Amino acid sequence: MVSPSFAGQVTMAAYDFNGDGYDDIIRTDEDDEGTSIRVYARIEGSFFCKPVFVSVVPGRLMQVPEVIDVNKDGRKEYFFVTGEERGIIYYDYKDNEYKKTASFDF
């Protein structure tokens, strides 16, 4: 349940980032600590998802996050911009885990 005083935004995106044939869910929400980004992946043999990656970044979202192929490698990433940080959440196929880039300039 969301508190009546909640003033942040919540966004969601779905895409098969890890290549298992099922969409993963990325959810962002804002609070006084910044923007929380959570990735949920399907539990094998189930219809349920579990959290597989959590990151809190400073600032509030400046735009709705996008699922795009940022680095043109044929795989889509989750691109976000807050007032204090820009970054990408991506699935590292070599290490078989989700990662977040450090801040970068375009």
Protein backbone atom coordinates (compact mmCIF):
# COMPACT_ATOMS: atom_id res chain seq x y z
CA MET A 1 0.00 0.00 0.00
CA VAL A 2 1.25 3.45 -0.90
CA SER A 3 1.19 6.14 1.74
CA PRO A 4 -1.16 9.08 1.01
CA SER A 5 1.87 11.34 1.42
CA PHE A 6 3.86 9.52 -1.32
CA ALA A 7 4.86 12.16 -3.86
CA GLY A 8 7.33 10.24 -6.02
CA GLN A 9 6.74 8.35 -9.20
CA VAL A 10 6.79 4.64 -9.90
CA THR A 11 7.77 3.27 -13.30
CA MET A 12 7.86 -0.27 -14.63
CA ALA A 13 9.34 -1.88 -17.71
CA ALA A 14 9.36 -5.45 -18.99
CA TYR A 15 11.90 -7.00 -21.33
CA ASP A 16 13.87 -10.26 -21.53
CA PHE A 17 17.21 -8.77 -20.48
CA ASN A 18 18.86 -12.05 -19.43
CA GLY A 19 17.82 -14.08 -22.50
CA ASP A 20 15.91 -16.83 -20.67
CA GLY A 21 12.83 -16.39 -22.87
CA TYR A 22 10.78 -14.60 -20.18
CA ASP A 23 10.40 -10.89 -19.58
CA ASP A 24 12.22 -9.50 -16.56
CA ILE A 25 10.53 -6.65 -14.70
CA ILE A 26 12.31 -3.44 -13.74
CA ARG A 27 10.58 -1.23 -11.20
CA THR A 28 11.70 2.19 -10.03
CA ASP A 29 10.31 4.25 -7.19
CA GLU A 30 11.39 7.41 -5.45
CA ASP A 31 11.67 8.37 -1.80
CA ASP A 32 13.78 10.66 0.37
CA GLU A 33 16.84 8.40 -0.16
CA GLY A 34 16.74 8.72 -3.98
CA THR A 35 15.50 6.40 -6.70
CA SER A 36 15.34 2.66 -6.06
CA ILE A 37 15.77 0.42 -9.09
CA ARG A 38 14.77 -3.23 -8.71
CA VAL A 39 15.00 -6.02 -11.29
CA TYR A 40 12.79 -9.09 -10.90
CA ALA A 41 13.35 -12.31 -12.87
CA ARG A 42 11.08 -15.31 -13.25
CA ILE A 43 11.64 -18.18 -10.85
CA GLU A 44 12.34 -21.25 -12.98
CA GLY A 45 9.33 -23.55 -13.21
CA SER A 46 7.02 -20.92 -11.73
CA PHE A 47 4.92 -17.92 -12.72
CA PHE A 48 6.42 -15.89 -9.87
CA CYS A 49 9.36 -13.49 -9.93
CA LYS A 50 12.13 -12.83 -7.43
CA PRO A 51 14.34 -9.77 -6.98
CA VAL A 52 17.73 -10.31 -8.60
CA PHE A 53 19.18 -6.78 -8.52
CA VAL A 54 18.61 -3.72 -6.32
CA SER A 55 20.29 -0.34 -6.57
CA VAL A 56 19.53 3.04 -5.01
CA VAL A 57 20.77 6.03 -6.98
CA PRO A 58 20.77 9.64 -5.76
CA GLY A 59 18.14 12.08 -6.97
CA ARG A 60 14.72 11.82 -8.54
CA LEU A 61 14.02 10.60 -12.07
CA MET A 62 14.32 13.37 -14.65
CA GLN A 63 12.65 11.34 -17.41
CA VAL A 64 10.81 8.07 -17.76
CA PRO A 65 13.48 5.33 -18.00
CA GLU A 66 13.82 3.65 -21.39
CA VAL A 67 14.60 0.14 -22.61
CA ILE A 68 16.95 0.75 -25.55
CA ASP A 69 20.13 -0.61 -27.13
CA VAL A 70 22.43 2.11 -25.82
CA ASN A 71 25.76 0.65 -26.97
CA LYS A 72 24.48 -0.86 -30.27
CA ASP A 73 25.49 -4.44 -29.39
CA GLY A 74 22.08 -5.91 -30.29
CA ARG A 75 20.99 -6.25 -26.65
CA LYS A 76 18.74 -3.77 -24.91
CA GLU A 77 19.62 -2.04 -21.65
CA TYR A 78 17.64 -0.04 -19.09
CA PHE A 79 18.62 3.62 -19.34
CA PHE A 80 17.81 6.05 -16.52
CA VAL A 81 18.55 9.68 -15.64
CA THR A 82 18.12 11.24 -12.21
CA GLY A 83 18.95 14.76 -11.12
CA GLU A 84 22.36 13.54 -9.94
CA GLU A 85 23.23 10.46 -12.00
CA ARG A 86 22.86 8.88 -15.44
CA GLY A 87 23.33 5.19 -15.89
CA ILE A 88 22.42 1.88 -17.43
CA ILE A 89 21.24 -1.36 -15.87
CA TYR A 90 22.32 -4.28 -18.04
CA TYR A 91 22.71 -8.05 -17.92
CA ASP A 92 26.34 -9.19 -18.12
CA TYR A 93 26.23 -12.48 -20.05
CA LYS A 94 29.84 -13.30 -19.14
CA ASP A 95 29.24 -13.04 -15.36
CA ASN A 96 25.54 -14.03 -15.58
CA GLU A 97 24.38 -11.13 -13.43
CA TYR A 98 22.81 -7.69 -13.62
CA LYS A 99 25.11 -4.68 -13.30
CA LYS A 100 24.84 -0.90 -13.21
CA THR A 101 27.25 1.42 -14.95
CA ALA A 102 28.92 4.25 -13.12
CA SER A 103 27.86 7.76 -14.02
CA PHE A 104 28.91 8.79 -17.49
CA ASP A 105 28.59 11.71 -19.88
CA PHE A 106 26.97 11.59 -23.32
